[in-house]
N, C-alpha and C. Protein backbone atom coordinates (compact mmCIF):
# COMPACT_ATOMS: atom_id res chain seq x y z
N MET A 1 10.87 2.61 -17.41
CA MET A 1 10.29 3.26 -16.26
C MET A 1 11.42 3.65 -15.32
N ASN A 2 11.29 4.82 -14.69
CA ASN A 2 12.26 5.30 -13.71
C ASN A 2 11.61 5.27 -12.33
N ILE A 3 12.40 4.90 -11.33
CA ILE A 3 11.88 4.92 -9.96
C ILE A 3 12.81 5.76 -9.09
N ASP A 4 12.22 6.35 -8.06
CA ASP A 4 12.98 7.20 -7.14
C ASP A 4 12.45 6.97 -5.74
N ARG A 5 13.34 6.99 -4.77
CA ARG A 5 12.97 6.93 -3.35
C ARG A 5 13.10 8.34 -2.81
N ILE A 6 12.00 8.86 -2.26
CA ILE A 6 11.97 10.24 -1.78
C ILE A 6 11.58 10.24 -0.31
N GLN A 7 12.37 10.90 0.50
CA GLN A 7 12.04 11.02 1.92
C GLN A 7 10.97 12.10 2.09
N THR A 8 9.91 11.79 2.82
CA THR A 8 8.82 12.75 3.06
C THR A 8 8.56 12.81 4.57
N PRO A 9 7.76 13.78 5.01
CA PRO A 9 7.39 13.84 6.43
C PRO A 9 6.64 12.58 6.90
N ALA A 10 6.06 11.83 5.97
CA ALA A 10 5.34 10.60 6.32
C ALA A 10 6.22 9.37 6.18
N GLY A 11 7.49 9.56 5.88
CA GLY A 11 8.41 8.44 5.71
C GLY A 11 8.83 8.30 4.26
N PRO A 12 9.62 7.26 3.97
CA PRO A 12 10.10 7.10 2.61
C PRO A 12 8.96 6.77 1.64
N CYS A 13 9.05 7.33 0.47
CA CYS A 13 8.05 7.16 -0.56
C CYS A 13 8.75 6.74 -1.84
N TRP A 14 8.20 5.78 -2.52
CA TRP A 14 8.74 5.33 -3.80
C TRP A 14 7.80 5.79 -4.90
N VAL A 15 8.37 6.37 -5.94
CA VAL A 15 7.57 6.82 -7.08
C VAL A 15 8.12 6.19 -8.35
N ALA A 16 7.23 5.97 -9.29
CA ALA A 16 7.62 5.45 -10.60
C ALA A 16 7.02 6.35 -11.66
N GLU A 17 7.85 6.71 -12.64
CA GLU A 17 7.34 7.52 -13.74
C GLU A 17 7.87 6.98 -15.05
N ASP A 18 7.05 7.17 -16.05
CA ASP A 18 7.42 6.72 -17.38
C ASP A 18 6.90 7.76 -18.38
N ASP A 19 7.76 8.18 -19.27
CA ASP A 19 7.37 9.14 -20.30
C ASP A 19 6.77 10.41 -19.68
N GLY A 20 7.33 10.83 -18.52
CA GLY A 20 6.88 12.07 -17.88
C GLY A 20 5.56 11.95 -17.13
N ARG A 21 5.05 10.75 -16.95
CA ARG A 21 3.77 10.54 -16.26
C ARG A 21 3.98 9.69 -15.01
N LEU A 22 3.37 10.13 -13.91
CA LEU A 22 3.45 9.37 -12.66
C LEU A 22 2.67 8.07 -12.83
N GLN A 23 3.36 6.95 -12.61
CA GLN A 23 2.76 5.62 -12.74
C GLN A 23 2.28 5.09 -11.40
N ALA A 24 3.08 5.33 -10.35
CA ALA A 24 2.75 4.75 -9.04
C ALA A 24 3.45 5.55 -7.96
N LEU A 25 2.86 5.53 -6.78
CA LEU A 25 3.42 6.18 -5.60
C LEU A 25 3.04 5.32 -4.41
N ARG A 26 4.03 4.91 -3.63
CA ARG A 26 3.71 4.10 -2.45
C ARG A 26 4.70 4.40 -1.34
N PHE A 27 4.23 4.21 -0.13
CA PHE A 27 5.05 4.43 1.05
C PHE A 27 5.63 3.11 1.52
N GLY A 28 6.75 3.19 2.23
CA GLY A 28 7.42 1.99 2.71
C GLY A 28 8.43 1.53 1.68
N GLY A 29 8.31 0.30 1.26
CA GLY A 29 9.23 -0.26 0.27
C GLY A 29 8.71 -0.11 -1.14
N PRO A 30 9.54 -0.48 -2.09
CA PRO A 30 9.13 -0.32 -3.49
C PRO A 30 8.09 -1.32 -3.96
N GLY A 31 7.89 -2.38 -3.19
CA GLY A 31 6.90 -3.38 -3.59
C GLY A 31 7.21 -3.93 -4.96
N ASP A 32 6.23 -3.89 -5.86
CA ASP A 32 6.42 -4.46 -7.19
C ASP A 32 6.97 -3.45 -8.21
N LEU A 33 7.37 -2.27 -7.75
CA LEU A 33 7.91 -1.28 -8.68
C LEU A 33 9.26 -1.73 -9.21
N ARG A 34 9.38 -1.75 -10.51
CA ARG A 34 10.63 -2.13 -11.15
C ARG A 34 10.99 -1.06 -12.16
N GLY A 35 12.25 -0.75 -12.25
CA GLY A 35 12.69 0.23 -13.22
C GLY A 35 14.09 0.70 -12.91
N GLU A 36 14.52 1.67 -13.64
CA GLU A 36 15.85 2.24 -13.47
C GLU A 36 15.83 3.28 -12.35
N PRO A 37 16.74 3.17 -11.38
CA PRO A 37 16.81 4.20 -10.34
C PRO A 37 17.19 5.54 -10.99
N ALA A 38 16.48 6.58 -10.59
CA ALA A 38 16.75 7.91 -11.14
C ALA A 38 16.24 8.96 -10.17
N ARG A 39 16.87 10.12 -10.18
CA ARG A 39 16.33 11.25 -9.43
C ARG A 39 15.25 11.88 -10.29
N LEU A 40 14.08 12.08 -9.70
CA LEU A 40 12.95 12.64 -10.42
C LEU A 40 12.57 13.97 -9.78
N PRO A 41 13.25 15.06 -10.16
CA PRO A 41 13.07 16.34 -9.47
C PRO A 41 11.65 16.88 -9.54
N GLY A 42 10.94 16.66 -10.64
CA GLY A 42 9.57 17.14 -10.73
C GLY A 42 8.67 16.49 -9.71
N LEU A 43 8.84 15.19 -9.52
CA LEU A 43 8.04 14.47 -8.53
C LEU A 43 8.46 14.87 -7.11
N ARG A 44 9.74 15.11 -6.93
CA ARG A 44 10.21 15.57 -5.62
C ARG A 44 9.56 16.91 -5.26
N ARG A 45 9.52 17.83 -6.23
CA ARG A 45 8.88 19.14 -5.98
C ARG A 45 7.39 18.99 -5.73
N ALA A 46 6.74 18.10 -6.47
CA ALA A 46 5.31 17.89 -6.28
C ALA A 46 5.01 17.35 -4.89
N LEU A 47 5.82 16.43 -4.41
CA LEU A 47 5.61 15.90 -3.05
C LEU A 47 5.86 16.97 -2.00
N GLN A 48 6.90 17.77 -2.18
CA GLN A 48 7.16 18.86 -1.23
C GLN A 48 5.97 19.82 -1.20
N ALA A 49 5.44 20.17 -2.36
CA ALA A 49 4.29 21.06 -2.43
C ALA A 49 3.09 20.44 -1.72
N TRP A 50 2.83 19.17 -1.99
CA TRP A 50 1.67 18.50 -1.40
C TRP A 50 1.78 18.51 0.13
N PHE A 51 2.96 18.16 0.66
CA PHE A 51 3.12 18.13 2.11
C PHE A 51 3.11 19.53 2.72
N ALA A 52 3.35 20.56 1.92
CA ALA A 52 3.27 21.94 2.40
C ALA A 52 1.86 22.50 2.26
N GLY A 53 0.91 21.68 1.79
CA GLY A 53 -0.48 22.10 1.69
C GLY A 53 -0.80 22.83 0.39
N ARG A 54 0.10 22.77 -0.58
CA ARG A 54 -0.15 23.43 -1.87
C ARG A 54 -0.55 22.39 -2.92
N ASP A 55 -1.20 22.86 -3.94
CA ASP A 55 -1.55 21.98 -5.06
C ASP A 55 -0.29 21.58 -5.80
N ALA A 56 -0.28 20.38 -6.28
CA ALA A 56 0.85 19.88 -7.05
C ALA A 56 0.34 19.50 -8.44
N LYS A 57 0.92 20.09 -9.44
CA LYS A 57 0.53 19.79 -10.82
C LYS A 57 1.40 18.64 -11.33
N LEU A 58 0.75 17.58 -11.72
CA LEU A 58 1.45 16.39 -12.21
C LEU A 58 0.74 15.81 -13.41
N ASN A 59 1.49 15.12 -14.23
CA ASN A 59 0.89 14.29 -15.28
C ASN A 59 0.72 12.90 -14.68
N LEU A 60 -0.52 12.52 -14.45
CA LEU A 60 -0.81 11.19 -13.91
C LEU A 60 -1.12 10.25 -15.06
N ASP A 61 -0.58 9.06 -15.01
CA ASP A 61 -0.83 8.09 -16.07
C ASP A 61 -2.10 7.32 -15.76
N LEU A 62 -3.17 7.71 -16.42
CA LEU A 62 -4.46 7.04 -16.25
C LEU A 62 -4.91 6.38 -17.55
N ARG A 63 -3.97 6.21 -18.47
CA ARG A 63 -4.33 5.68 -19.80
C ARG A 63 -4.91 4.28 -19.73
N ALA A 64 -4.47 3.46 -18.78
CA ALA A 64 -4.96 2.08 -18.70
C ALA A 64 -6.31 1.99 -17.97
N ALA A 65 -6.73 3.06 -17.34
CA ALA A 65 -7.99 3.05 -16.58
C ALA A 65 -9.18 3.14 -17.53
N THR A 66 -10.27 2.52 -17.13
CA THR A 66 -11.50 2.62 -17.91
C THR A 66 -12.07 4.03 -17.77
N PRO A 67 -12.98 4.43 -18.65
CA PRO A 67 -13.61 5.75 -18.50
C PRO A 67 -14.28 5.92 -17.12
N PHE A 68 -14.93 4.87 -16.63
CA PHE A 68 -15.55 4.97 -15.30
C PHE A 68 -14.51 5.21 -14.22
N VAL A 69 -13.42 4.47 -14.24
CA VAL A 69 -12.38 4.63 -13.22
C VAL A 69 -11.78 6.03 -13.30
N ARG A 70 -11.58 6.55 -14.50
CA ARG A 70 -11.07 7.92 -14.63
C ARG A 70 -12.05 8.92 -14.03
N ARG A 71 -13.36 8.71 -14.22
CA ARG A 71 -14.36 9.61 -13.60
C ARG A 71 -14.30 9.50 -12.08
N VAL A 72 -14.12 8.29 -11.56
CA VAL A 72 -14.00 8.09 -10.11
C VAL A 72 -12.79 8.86 -9.59
N TYR A 73 -11.65 8.70 -10.25
CA TYR A 73 -10.43 9.38 -9.80
C TYR A 73 -10.58 10.90 -9.87
N ARG A 74 -11.23 11.40 -10.92
CA ARG A 74 -11.45 12.86 -10.99
C ARG A 74 -12.36 13.32 -9.85
N ALA A 75 -13.36 12.52 -9.52
CA ALA A 75 -14.28 12.88 -8.43
C ALA A 75 -13.55 12.92 -7.10
N VAL A 76 -12.69 11.95 -6.82
CA VAL A 76 -12.01 11.97 -5.53
C VAL A 76 -10.95 13.07 -5.48
N GLN A 77 -10.41 13.45 -6.63
CA GLN A 77 -9.44 14.55 -6.65
C GLN A 77 -10.11 15.89 -6.31
N ARG A 78 -11.42 15.98 -6.50
CA ARG A 78 -12.13 17.23 -6.18
C ARG A 78 -12.52 17.34 -4.70
N ILE A 79 -12.31 16.28 -3.92
CA ILE A 79 -12.66 16.33 -2.50
C ILE A 79 -11.67 17.26 -1.81
N PRO A 80 -12.16 18.29 -1.10
CA PRO A 80 -11.23 19.18 -0.40
C PRO A 80 -10.44 18.43 0.68
N ARG A 81 -9.23 18.88 0.90
CA ARG A 81 -8.39 18.28 1.95
C ARG A 81 -9.13 18.26 3.28
N GLY A 82 -8.98 17.16 3.97
CA GLY A 82 -9.59 17.03 5.29
C GLY A 82 -11.04 16.57 5.26
N GLU A 83 -11.62 16.43 4.08
CA GLU A 83 -12.99 15.97 3.96
C GLU A 83 -13.02 14.55 3.42
N THR A 84 -14.12 13.88 3.64
CA THR A 84 -14.28 12.51 3.16
C THR A 84 -15.59 12.40 2.39
N ARG A 85 -15.70 11.36 1.60
CA ARG A 85 -16.92 11.01 0.89
C ARG A 85 -17.08 9.51 0.96
N THR A 86 -18.33 9.06 0.92
CA THR A 86 -18.58 7.62 0.88
C THR A 86 -18.43 7.14 -0.57
N TYR A 87 -18.28 5.84 -0.72
CA TYR A 87 -18.22 5.28 -2.07
C TYR A 87 -19.52 5.58 -2.82
N GLY A 88 -20.64 5.59 -2.13
CA GLY A 88 -21.91 5.93 -2.77
C GLY A 88 -21.93 7.35 -3.29
N GLU A 89 -21.39 8.28 -2.50
CA GLU A 89 -21.32 9.68 -2.96
C GLU A 89 -20.41 9.82 -4.18
N ILE A 90 -19.30 9.09 -4.17
CA ILE A 90 -18.39 9.14 -5.31
C ILE A 90 -19.05 8.50 -6.54
N ALA A 91 -19.79 7.42 -6.33
CA ALA A 91 -20.50 6.78 -7.45
C ALA A 91 -21.48 7.76 -8.08
N ARG A 92 -22.23 8.49 -7.27
CA ARG A 92 -23.17 9.48 -7.79
C ARG A 92 -22.43 10.58 -8.54
N ALA A 93 -21.31 11.05 -7.96
CA ALA A 93 -20.53 12.11 -8.61
C ALA A 93 -19.89 11.62 -9.91
N SER A 94 -19.75 10.32 -10.06
CA SER A 94 -19.14 9.74 -11.26
C SER A 94 -20.18 9.35 -12.30
N GLY A 95 -21.45 9.63 -12.01
CA GLY A 95 -22.50 9.34 -12.98
C GLY A 95 -23.08 7.94 -12.91
N ARG A 96 -22.72 7.17 -11.89
CA ARG A 96 -23.24 5.81 -11.73
C ARG A 96 -23.70 5.62 -10.29
N PRO A 97 -24.88 6.14 -9.93
CA PRO A 97 -25.32 6.15 -8.54
C PRO A 97 -25.38 4.80 -7.85
N GLY A 98 -25.54 3.71 -8.57
CA GLY A 98 -25.62 2.39 -7.94
C GLY A 98 -24.29 1.65 -7.93
N ALA A 99 -23.20 2.31 -8.19
CA ALA A 99 -21.93 1.63 -8.39
C ALA A 99 -20.95 1.81 -7.23
N ALA A 100 -21.46 1.85 -6.00
CA ALA A 100 -20.57 2.06 -4.85
C ALA A 100 -19.50 0.97 -4.75
N ARG A 101 -19.87 -0.28 -5.01
CA ARG A 101 -18.88 -1.36 -4.95
C ARG A 101 -17.81 -1.20 -6.02
N ALA A 102 -18.21 -0.78 -7.21
CA ALA A 102 -17.25 -0.56 -8.29
C ALA A 102 -16.29 0.58 -7.93
N VAL A 103 -16.80 1.59 -7.24
CA VAL A 103 -15.93 2.67 -6.76
C VAL A 103 -14.91 2.11 -5.78
N GLY A 104 -15.37 1.28 -4.85
CA GLY A 104 -14.45 0.65 -3.89
C GLY A 104 -13.38 -0.16 -4.58
N GLN A 105 -13.75 -0.89 -5.61
CA GLN A 105 -12.76 -1.68 -6.36
C GLN A 105 -11.77 -0.78 -7.09
N ALA A 106 -12.28 0.31 -7.66
CA ALA A 106 -11.38 1.25 -8.36
C ALA A 106 -10.39 1.86 -7.38
N MET A 107 -10.85 2.21 -6.20
CA MET A 107 -9.96 2.82 -5.22
C MET A 107 -8.97 1.80 -4.66
N ALA A 108 -9.36 0.54 -4.57
CA ALA A 108 -8.44 -0.49 -4.10
C ALA A 108 -7.29 -0.69 -5.08
N ARG A 109 -7.53 -0.42 -6.37
CA ARG A 109 -6.49 -0.56 -7.39
C ARG A 109 -5.72 0.73 -7.63
N ASN A 110 -6.04 1.77 -6.90
CA ASN A 110 -5.38 3.08 -7.08
C ASN A 110 -3.89 2.96 -6.76
N ARG A 111 -3.05 3.24 -7.74
CA ARG A 111 -1.59 3.16 -7.55
C ARG A 111 -0.99 4.54 -7.30
N ILE A 112 -1.80 5.58 -7.23
CA ILE A 112 -1.26 6.93 -7.10
C ILE A 112 -1.89 7.60 -5.88
N CYS A 113 -1.57 7.05 -4.69
CA CYS A 113 -2.11 7.65 -3.47
C CYS A 113 -1.59 9.08 -3.34
N LEU A 114 -2.15 9.85 -2.48
CA LEU A 114 -1.91 11.27 -2.26
C LEU A 114 -2.53 12.10 -3.37
N PHE A 115 -2.13 11.88 -4.60
CA PHE A 115 -2.61 12.71 -5.70
C PHE A 115 -3.97 12.24 -6.21
N ILE A 116 -4.30 10.98 -5.98
CA ILE A 116 -5.65 10.47 -6.10
C ILE A 116 -5.94 9.85 -4.74
N PRO A 117 -6.50 10.66 -3.84
CA PRO A 117 -6.58 10.23 -2.43
C PRO A 117 -7.51 9.04 -2.17
């Protein structure tokens, strides 16, 4: 795994990528991210685009996520910037209308903030 520290308008951001897929993104310190320090120009460009209000195309590593969690993440990625949804609304959009708590748990484990808001 490669990690990079990228300065953003919101402060320093740490990213981890492996095999060309974004594994994690966090602000502040690296936390539990471990790997080889490397410059990751694709992720740098994606963050610049995101902060400029443009879409950023990335390969996100969701292989370890369950099918439900992947549906939750896809649903939150469709929320327009500046808008919000409740966990109940996301549960309905994910095909499990009674699963608001499960949506909350999935979002609490989200390691790719910004790109999965």
